[in-house]
Amino acid sequence: MYENNRSHLDMKRWNPLIDQIFYEKNPNNPKEIRTYTMKWNGMANKITPMISNYHQAEPTPEMKPFHPRLMTGLNAFSRHNNGYNY
């Protein structure tokens, strides 16, 4: 009856990208950054990036620099079939 008893913490252990924040500096203005927050979307069964607009800020120590190949990897991520057809 309860096949999918996974919590958000289980998903974070399974994939450490979940809830991580990356930053990218604006090439036109080095004082501006935008952030990429990787969130787990349970309805789509995949990680969905939340991308902010450029804003003036300094990256915090827990932020990591964004690499463009990260988005390529997220888009190529094959989700596991859990038996349901959406």
PDB file of N, CA and C in Angstrom:
ATOM      1  N   MET A   1       0.818  -1.187   0.000  1.00  0.00           N
ATOM      2  CA  MET A   1       0.000   0.000   0.000  1.00  0.00           C
ATOM      3  C   MET A   1       0.863   1.253   0.000  1.00  0.00           C
ATOM      4  N   TYR A   2       1.900   1.290   0.835  1.00  0.00           N
ATOM      5  CA  TYR A   2       2.763   2.462   0.907  1.00  0.00           C
ATOM      6  C   TYR A   2       4.075   2.157   0.203  1.00  0.00           C
ATOM      7  N   GLU A   3       4.110   2.355  -1.101  1.00  0.00           N
ATOM      8  CA  GLU A   3       5.308   2.039  -1.860  1.00  0.00           C
ATOM      9  C   GLU A   3       6.358   3.141  -1.793  1.00  0.00           C
ATOM     10  N   ASN A   4       5.922   4.396  -1.764  1.00  0.00           N
ATOM     11  CA  ASN A   4       6.851   5.518  -1.828  1.00  0.00           C
ATOM     12  C   ASN A   4       6.907   6.232  -0.481  1.00  0.00           C
ATOM     13  N   ASN A   5       7.602   5.645   0.465  1.00  0.00           N
ATOM     14  CA  ASN A   5       7.711   6.237   1.794  1.00  0.00           C
ATOM     15  C   ASN A   5       8.983   7.053   1.935  1.00  0.00           C
ATOM     16  N   ARG A   6       9.411   7.715   0.899  1.00  0.00           N
ATOM     17  CA  ARG A   6      10.629   8.506   0.934  1.00  0.00           C
ATOM     18  C   ARG A   6      10.341   9.898   1.462  1.00  0.00           C
ATOM     19  N   SER A   7      11.215  10.366   2.336  1.00  0.00           N
ATOM     20  CA  SER A   7      11.093  11.726   2.840  1.00  0.00           C
ATOM     21  C   SER A   7      12.050  12.628   2.055  1.00  0.00           C
ATOM     22  N   HIS A   8      11.941  13.920   2.311  1.00  0.00           N
ATOM     23  CA  HIS A   8      12.833  14.873   1.647  1.00  0.00           C
ATOM     24  C   HIS A   8      14.280  14.623   2.066  1.00  0.00           C
ATOM     25  N   LEU A   9      14.495  14.266   3.312  1.00  0.00           N
ATOM     26  CA  LEU A   9      15.848  13.973   3.787  1.00  0.00           C
ATOM     27  C   LEU A   9      16.424  12.734   3.100  1.00  0.00           C
ATOM     28  N   ASP A  10      15.599  11.739   2.846  1.00  0.00           N
ATOM     29  CA  ASP A  10      16.053  10.563   2.091  1.00  0.00           C
ATOM     30  C   ASP A  10      16.509  10.963   0.694  1.00  0.00           C
ATOM     31  N   MET A  11      15.746  11.850   0.076  1.00  0.00           N
ATOM     32  CA  MET A  11      16.098  12.290  -1.277  1.00  0.00           C
ATOM     33  C   MET A  11      17.404  13.087  -1.260  1.00  0.00           C
ATOM     34  N   LYS A  12      17.619  13.900  -0.230  1.00  0.00           N
ATOM     35  CA  LYS A  12      18.862  14.662  -0.133  1.00  0.00           C
ATOM     36  C   LYS A  12      20.058  13.738   0.074  1.00  0.00           C
ATOM     37  N   ARG A  13      19.875  12.656   0.802  1.00  0.00           N
ATOM     38  CA  ARG A  13      20.958  11.682   0.975  1.00  0.00           C
ATOM     39  C   ARG A  13      21.236  10.949  -0.333  1.00  0.00           C
ATOM     40  N   TRP A  14      20.195  10.701  -1.084  1.00  0.00           N
ATOM     41  CA  TRP A  14      20.316   9.992  -2.354  1.00  0.00           C
ATOM     42  C   TRP A  14      21.009  10.865  -3.393  1.00  0.00           C
ATOM     43  N   ASN A  15      20.680  12.158  -3.411  1.00  0.00           N
ATOM     44  CA  ASN A  15      21.275  13.068  -4.379  1.00  0.00           C
ATOM     45  C   ASN A  15      21.685  14.352  -3.652  1.00  0.00           C
ATOM     46  N   PRO A  16      22.975  14.565  -3.421  1.00  0.00           N
ATOM     47  CA  PRO A  16      23.412  15.726  -2.646  1.00  0.00           C
ATOM     48  C   PRO A  16      23.214  17.067  -3.353  1.00  0.00           C
ATOM     49  N   LEU A  17      22.821  17.087  -4.611  1.00  0.00           N
ATOM     50  CA  LEU A  17      22.551  18.362  -5.299  1.00  0.00           C
ATOM     51  C   LEU A  17      21.282  19.037  -4.788  1.00  0.00           C
ATOM     52  N   ILE A  18      20.381  18.252  -4.211  1.00  0.00           N
ATOM     53  CA  ILE A  18      19.101  18.802  -3.761  1.00  0.00           C
ATOM     54  C   ILE A  18      19.350  19.837  -2.676  1.00  0.00           C
ATOM     55  N   ASP A  19      18.745  21.003  -2.840  1.00  0.00           N
ATOM     56  CA  ASP A  19      18.820  22.157  -1.935  1.00  0.00           C
ATOM     57  C   ASP A  19      20.177  22.849  -1.938  1.00  0.00           C
ATOM     58  N   GLN A  20      21.056  22.531  -2.869  1.00  0.00           N
ATOM     59  CA  GLN A  20      22.319  23.258  -2.968  1.00  0.00           C
ATOM     60  C   GLN A  20      22.114  24.529  -3.778  1.00  0.00           C
ATOM     61  N   ILE A  21      22.902  25.552  -3.458  1.00  0.00           N
ATOM     62  CA  ILE A  21      22.808  26.838  -4.138  1.00  0.00           C
ATOM     63  C   ILE A  21      24.128  27.103  -4.855  1.00  0.00           C
ATOM     64  N   PHE A  22      24.023  27.431  -6.128  1.00  0.00           N
ATOM     65  CA  PHE A  22      25.175  27.783  -6.949  1.00  0.00           C
ATOM     66  C   PHE A  22      25.028  29.242  -7.364  1.00  0.00           C
ATOM     67  N   TYR A  23      26.128  29.887  -7.674  1.00  0.00           N
ATOM     68  CA  TYR A  23      26.066  31.274  -8.112  1.00  0.00           C
ATOM     69  C   TYR A  23      26.821  31.455  -9.424  1.00  0.00           C
ATOM     70  N   GLU A  24      26.429  32.480 -10.165  1.00  0.00           N
ATOM     71  CA  GLU A  24      27.072  32.836 -11.425  1.00  0.00           C
ATOM     72  C   GLU A  24      27.225  34.349 -11.448  1.00  0.00           C
ATOM     73  N   LYS A  25      28.424  34.815 -11.749  1.00  0.00           N
ATOM     74  CA  LYS A  25      28.663  36.256 -11.821  1.00  0.00           C
ATOM     75  C   LYS A  25      28.181  36.798 -13.156  1.00  0.00           C
ATOM     76  N   ASN A  26      27.658  38.020 -13.123  1.00  0.00           N
ATOM     77  CA  ASN A  26      27.196  38.691 -14.333  1.00  0.00           C
ATOM     78  C   ASN A  26      28.423  39.111 -15.147  1.00  0.00           C
ATOM     79  N   PRO A  27      28.520  38.703 -16.428  1.00  0.00           N
ATOM     80  CA  PRO A  27      29.685  39.091 -17.228  1.00  0.00           C
ATOM     81  C   PRO A  27      29.743  40.602 -17.505  1.00  0.00           C
ATOM     82  N   ASN A  28      28.599  41.284 -17.445  1.00  0.00           N
ATOM     83  CA  ASN A  28      28.568  42.723 -17.704  1.00  0.00           C
ATOM     84  C   ASN A  28      28.804  43.568 -16.454  1.00  0.00           C
ATOM     85  N   ASN A  29      28.540  43.014 -15.279  1.00  0.00           N
ATOM     86  CA  ASN A  29      28.708  43.745 -14.029  1.00  0.00           C
ATOM     87  C   ASN A  29      29.229  42.763 -12.978  1.00  0.00           C
ATOM     88  N   PRO A  30      30.504  42.834 -12.626  1.00  0.00           N
ATOM     89  CA  PRO A  30      31.066  41.848 -11.696  1.00  0.00           C
ATOM     90  C   PRO A  30      30.521  41.935 -10.268  1.00  0.00           C
ATOM     91  N   LYS A  31      29.770  42.994  -9.933  1.00  0.00           N
ATOM     92  CA  LYS A  31      29.184  43.104  -8.596  1.00  0.00           C
ATOM     93  C   LYS A  31      27.855  42.354  -8.485  1.00  0.00           C
ATOM     94  N   GLU A  32      27.341  41.846  -9.600  1.00  0.00           N
ATOM     95  CA  GLU A  32      26.049  41.160  -9.604  1.00  0.00           C
ATOM     96  C   GLU A  32      26.239  39.654  -9.761  1.00  0.00           C
ATOM     97  N   ILE A  33      25.363  38.907  -9.102  1.00  0.00           N
ATOM     98  CA  ILE A  33      25.340  37.450  -9.251  1.00  0.00           C
ATOM     99  C   ILE A  33      23.896  37.013  -9.457  1.00  0.00           C
ATOM    100  N   ARG A  34      23.733  35.807  -9.939  1.00  0.00           N
ATOM    101  CA  ARG A  34      22.419  35.153  -9.907  1.00  0.00           C
ATOM    102  C   ARG A  34      22.624  33.776  -9.318  1.00  0.00           C
ATOM    103  N   THR A  35      21.574  33.267  -8.720  1.00  0.00           N
ATOM    104  CA  THR A  35      21.691  31.996  -8.017  1.00  0.00           C
ATOM    105  C   THR A  35      20.867  30.911  -8.711  1.00  0.00           C
ATOM    106  N   TYR A  36      21.340  29.697  -8.574  1.00  0.00           N
ATOM    107  CA  TYR A  36      20.669  28.497  -9.057  1.00  0.00           C
ATOM    108  C   TYR A  36      20.447  27.615  -7.835  1.00  0.00           C
ATOM    109  N   THR A  37      19.204  27.418  -7.457  1.00  0.00           N
ATOM    110  CA  THR A  37      18.869  26.552  -6.325  1.00  0.00           C
ATOM    111  C   THR A  37      18.245  25.279  -6.872  1.00  0.00           C
ATOM    112  N   MET A  38      18.824  24.156  -6.530  1.00  0.00           N
ATOM    113  CA  MET A  38      18.345  22.868  -7.020  1.00  0.00           C
ATOM    114  C   MET A  38      17.299  22.326  -6.045  1.00  0.00           C
ATOM    115  N   LYS A  39      16.081  22.209  -6.503  1.00  0.00           N
ATOM    116  CA  LYS A  39      14.973  21.744  -5.665  1.00  0.00           C
ATOM    117  C   LYS A  39      14.421  20.433  -6.209  1.00  0.00           C
ATOM    118  N   TRP A  40      13.998  19.572  -5.298  1.00  0.00           N
ATOM    119  CA  TRP A  40      13.381  18.306  -5.704  1.00  0.00           C
ATOM    120  C   TRP A  40      11.914  18.547  -6.016  1.00  0.00           C
ATOM    121  N   ASN A  41      11.500  18.168  -7.209  1.00  0.00           N
ATOM    122  CA  ASN A  41      10.110  18.270  -7.634  1.00  0.00           C
ATOM    123  C   ASN A  41       9.525  16.864  -7.607  1.00  0.00           C
ATOM    124  N   GLY A  42       8.766  16.560  -6.589  1.00  0.00           N
ATOM    125  CA  GLY A  42       8.203  15.229  -6.436  1.00  0.00           C
ATOM    126  C   GLY A  42       7.160  14.885  -7.476  1.00  0.00           C
ATOM    127  N   MET A  43       6.461  15.892  -7.989  1.00  0.00           N
ATOM    128  CA  MET A  43       5.448  15.629  -9.011  1.00  0.00           C
ATOM    129  C   MET A  43       6.089  15.234 -10.338  1.00  0.00           C
ATOM    130  N   ALA A  44       7.211  15.870 -10.673  1.00  0.00           N
ATOM    131  CA  ALA A  44       7.916  15.537 -11.910  1.00  0.00           C
ATOM    132  C   ALA A  44       8.961  14.452 -11.700  1.00  0.00           C
ATOM    133  N   ASN A  45       9.235  14.116 -10.434  1.00  0.00           N
ATOM    134  CA  ASN A  45      10.198  13.083 -10.076  1.00  0.00           C
ATOM    135  C   ASN A  45      11.601  13.414 -10.579  1.00  0.00           C
ATOM    136  N   LYS A  46      11.997  14.689 -10.416  1.00  0.00           N
ATOM    137  CA  LYS A  46      13.335  15.106 -10.836  1.00  0.00           C
ATOM    138  C   LYS A  46      13.727  16.390 -10.113  1.00  0.00           C
ATOM    139  N   ILE A  47      14.986  16.769 -10.250  1.00  0.00           N
ATOM    140  CA  ILE A  47      15.481  18.021  -9.696  1.00  0.00           C
ATOM    141  C   ILE A  47      15.149  19.142 -10.668  1.00  0.00           C
ATOM    142  N   THR A  48      14.561  20.207 -10.146  1.00  0.00           N
ATOM    143  CA  THR A  48      14.208  21.365 -10.961  1.00  0.00           C
ATOM    144  C   THR A  48      14.994  22.565 -10.452  1.00  0.00           C
ATOM    145  N   PRO A  49      15.775  23.228 -11.328  1.00  0.00           N
ATOM    146  CA  PRO A  49      16.522  24.393 -10.863  1.00  0.00           C
ATOM    147  C   PRO A  49      15.626  25.625 -10.766  1.00  0.00           C
ATOM    148  N   MET A  50      15.820  26.397  -9.711  1.00  0.00           N
ATOM    149  CA  MET A  50      15.160  27.695  -9.557  1.00  0.00           C
ATOM    150  C   MET A  50      16.242  28.736  -9.812  1.00  0.00           C
ATOM    151  N   ILE A  51      16.066  29.554 -10.853  1.00  0.00           N
ATOM    152  CA  ILE A  51      17.090  30.503 -11.281  1.00  0.00           C
ATOM    153  C   ILE A  51      16.617  31.911 -10.956  1.00  0.00           C
ATOM    154  N   SER A  52      17.441  32.665 -10.254  1.00  0.00           N
ATOM    155  CA  SER A  52      17.070  34.032  -9.901  1.00  0.00           C
ATOM    156  C   SER A  52      17.544  34.999 -10.992  1.00  0.00           C
ATOM    157  N   ASN A  53      17.098  36.238 -10.902  1.00  0.00           N
ATOM    158  CA  ASN A  53      17.617  37.299 -11.755  1.00  0.00           C
ATOM    159  C   ASN A  53      18.951  37.761 -11.190  1.00  0.00           C
ATOM    160  N   TYR A  54      19.696  38.515 -11.985  1.00  0.00           N
ATOM    161  CA  TYR A  54      20.935  39.090 -11.472  1.00  0.00           C
ATOM    162  C   TYR A  54      20.594  40.129 -10.413  1.00  0.00           C
ATOM    163  N   HIS A  55      21.358  40.118  -9.340  1.00  0.00           N
ATOM    164  CA  HIS A  55      21.177  41.091  -8.262  1.00  0.00           C
ATOM    165  C   HIS A  55      22.541  41.360  -7.629  1.00  0.00           C
ATOM    166  N   GLN A  56      22.668  42.512  -6.988  1.00  0.00           N
ATOM    167  CA  GLN A  56      23.938  42.860  -6.372  1.00  0.00           C
ATOM    168  C   GLN A  56      24.071  42.133  -5.044  1.00  0.00           C
ATOM    169  N   ALA A  57      25.081  41.295  -4.968  1.00  0.00           N
ATOM    170  CA  ALA A  57      25.339  40.521  -3.751  1.00  0.00           C
ATOM    171  C   ALA A  57      26.707  39.866  -3.870  1.00  0.00           C
ATOM    172  N   GLU A  58      27.195  39.427  -2.741  1.00  0.00           N
ATOM    173  CA  GLU A  58      28.413  38.628  -2.693  1.00  0.00           C
ATOM    174  C   GLU A  58      28.004  37.188  -2.388  1.00  0.00           C
ATOM    175  N   PRO A  59      28.629  36.215  -3.032  1.00  0.00           N
ATOM    176  CA  PRO A  59      28.284  34.824  -2.722  1.00  0.00           C
ATOM    177  C   PRO A  59      28.655  34.468  -1.283  1.00  0.00           C
ATOM    178  N   THR A  60      27.791  33.717  -0.656  1.00  0.00           N
ATOM    179  CA  THR A  60      28.065  33.266   0.706  1.00  0.00           C
ATOM    180  C   THR A  60      29.012  32.069   0.660  1.00  0.00           C
ATOM    181  N   PRO A  61      29.632  31.727   1.763  1.00  0.00           N
ATOM    182  CA  PRO A  61      30.604  30.616   1.753  1.00  0.00           C
ATOM    183  C   PRO A  61      30.013  29.267   1.349  1.00  0.00           C
ATOM    184  N   GLU A  62      28.722  29.036   1.622  1.00  0.00           N
ATOM    185  CA  GLU A  62      28.150  27.732   1.255  1.00  0.00           C
ATOM    186  C   GLU A  62      27.760  27.637  -0.219  1.00  0.00           C
ATOM    187  N   MET A  63      27.743  28.761  -0.936  1.00  0.00           N
ATOM    188  CA  MET A  63      27.444  28.739  -2.373  1.00  0.00           C
ATOM    189  C   MET A  63      28.652  28.234  -3.142  1.00  0.00           C
ATOM    190  N   LYS A  64      28.375  27.506  -4.207  1.00  0.00           N
ATOM    191  CA  LYS A  64      29.436  27.000  -5.070  1.00  0.00           C
ATOM    192  C   LYS A  64      29.336  27.686  -6.427  1.00  0.00           C
ATOM    193  N   PRO A  65      30.445  27.851  -7.126  1.00  0.00           N
ATOM    194  CA  PRO A  65      30.371  28.449  -8.467  1.00  0.00           C
ATOM    195  C   PRO A  65      29.591  27.546  -9.416  1.00  0.00           C
ATOM    196  N   PHE A  66      28.785  28.164 -10.252  1.00  0.00           N
ATOM    197  CA  PHE A  66      27.950  27.425 -11.206  1.00  0.00           C
ATOM    198  C   PHE A  66      28.780  27.041 -12.417  1.00  0.00           C
ATOM    199  N   HIS A  67      28.598  25.816 -12.866  1.00  0.00           N
ATOM    200  CA  HIS A  67      29.234  25.346 -14.096  1.00  0.00           C
ATOM    201  C   HIS A  67      28.131  24.995 -15.084  1.00  0.00           C
ATOM    202  N   PRO A  68      28.225  25.440 -16.347  1.00  0.00           N
ATOM    203  CA  PRO A  68      27.145  25.178 -17.322  1.00  0.00           C
ATOM    204  C   PRO A  68      26.847  23.701 -17.548  1.00  0.00           C
ATOM    205  N   ARG A  69      27.837  22.847 -17.347  1.00  0.00           N
ATOM    206  CA  ARG A  69      27.604  21.412 -17.540  1.00  0.00           C
ATOM    207  C   ARG A  69      26.654  20.833 -16.491  1.00  0.00           C
ATOM    208  N   LEU A  70      26.465  21.561 -15.398  1.00  0.00           N
ATOM    209  CA  LEU A  70      25.529  21.105 -14.377  1.00  0.00           C
ATOM    210  C   LEU A  70      24.114  21.034 -14.940  1.00  0.00           C
ATOM    211  N   MET A  71      23.712  22.037 -15.704  1.00  0.00           N
ATOM    212  CA  MET A  71      22.375  22.038 -16.309  1.00  0.00           C
ATOM    213  C   MET A  71      22.250  20.928 -17.355  1.00  0.00           C
ATOM    214  N   THR A  72      23.327  20.673 -18.082  1.00  0.00           N
ATOM    215  CA  THR A  72      23.297  19.585 -19.061  1.00  0.00           C
ATOM    216  C   THR A  72      23.071  18.252 -18.360  1.00  0.00           C
ATOM    217  N   GLY A  73      23.739  18.069 -17.237  1.00  0.00           N
ATOM    218  CA  GLY A  73      23.563  16.833 -16.468  1.00  0.00           C
ATOM    219  C   GLY A  73      22.171  16.697 -15.895  1.00  0.00           C
ATOM    220  N   LEU A  74      21.587  17.806 -15.434  1.00  0.00           N
ATOM    221  CA  LEU A  74      20.225  17.741 -14.891  1.00  0.00           C
ATOM    222  C   LEU A  74      19.208  17.417 -15.971  1.00  0.00           C
ATOM    223  N   ASN A  75      19.398  17.979 -17.157  1.00  0.00           N
ATOM    224  CA  ASN A  75      18.457  17.718 -18.249  1.00  0.00           C
ATOM    225  C   ASN A  75      18.602  16.313 -18.803  1.00  0.00           C
ATOM    226  N   ALA A  76      19.782  15.731 -18.682  1.00  0.00           N
ATOM    227  CA  ALA A  76      20.006  14.376 -19.189  1.00  0.00           C
ATOM    228  C   ALA A  76      19.714  13.316 -18.137  1.00  0.00           C
ATOM    229  N   PHE A  77      19.401  13.730 -16.922  1.00  0.00           N
ATOM    230  CA  PHE A  77      19.146  12.791 -15.832  1.00  0.00           C
ATOM    231  C   PHE A  77      17.941  11.934 -16.167  1.00  0.00           C
ATOM    232  N   SER A  78      18.132  10.633 -16.189  1.00  0.00           N
ATOM    233  CA  SER A  78      17.014   9.739 -16.477  1.00  0.00           C
ATOM    234  C   SER A  78      16.342   9.362 -15.169  1.00  0.00           C
ATOM    235  N   ARG A  79      15.097   9.686 -15.043  1.00  0.00           N
ATOM    236  CA  ARG A  79      14.408   9.371 -13.797  1.00  0.00           C
ATOM    237  C   ARG A  79      14.108   7.880 -13.725  1.00  0.00           C
ATOM    238  N   HIS A  80      14.056   7.397 -12.538  1.00  0.00           N
ATOM    239  CA  HIS A  80      13.795   5.981 -12.327  1.00  0.00           C
ATOM    240  C   HIS A  80      12.296   5.726 -12.426  1.00  0.00           C
ATOM    241  N   ASN A  81      11.949   4.682 -13.092  1.00  0.00           N
ATOM    242  CA  ASN A  81      10.544   4.324 -13.234  1.00  0.00           C
ATOM    243  C   ASN A  81      10.081   3.634 -11.945  1.00  0.00           C
ATOM    244  N   ASN A  82       9.096   4.211 -11.309  1.00  0.00           N
ATOM    245  CA  ASN A  82       8.603   3.629 -10.065  1.00  0.00           C
ATOM    246  C   ASN A  82       7.310   2.836 -10.272  1.00  0.00           C
ATOM    247  N   GLY A  83       7.004   2.541 -11.524  1.00  0.00           N
ATOM    248  CA  GLY A  83       5.809   1.741 -11.795  1.00  0.00           C
ATOM    249  C   GLY A  83       4.585   2.546 -12.150  1.00  0.00           C
ATOM    250  N   TYR A  84       4.670   3.850 -12.014  1.00  0.00           N
ATOM    251  CA  TYR A  84       3.529   4.706 -12.350  1.00  0.00           C
ATOM    252  C   TYR A  84       3.756   5.377 -13.693  1.00  0.00           C
ATOM    253  N   ASN A  85       2.737   5.510 -14.454  1.00  0.00           N
ATOM    254  CA  ASN A  85       2.820   6.222 -15.729  1.00  0.00           C
ATOM    255  C   ASN A  85       2.097   7.539 -15.602  1.00  0.00           C
ATOM    256  N   TYR A  86       2.835   8.616 -15.655  1.00  0.00           N
ATOM    257  CA  TYR A  86       2.242   9.942 -15.480  1.00  0.00           C
ATOM    258  C   TYR A  86       1.848  10.520 -16.810  1.00  0.00           C
TER     259      TYR A  86
END
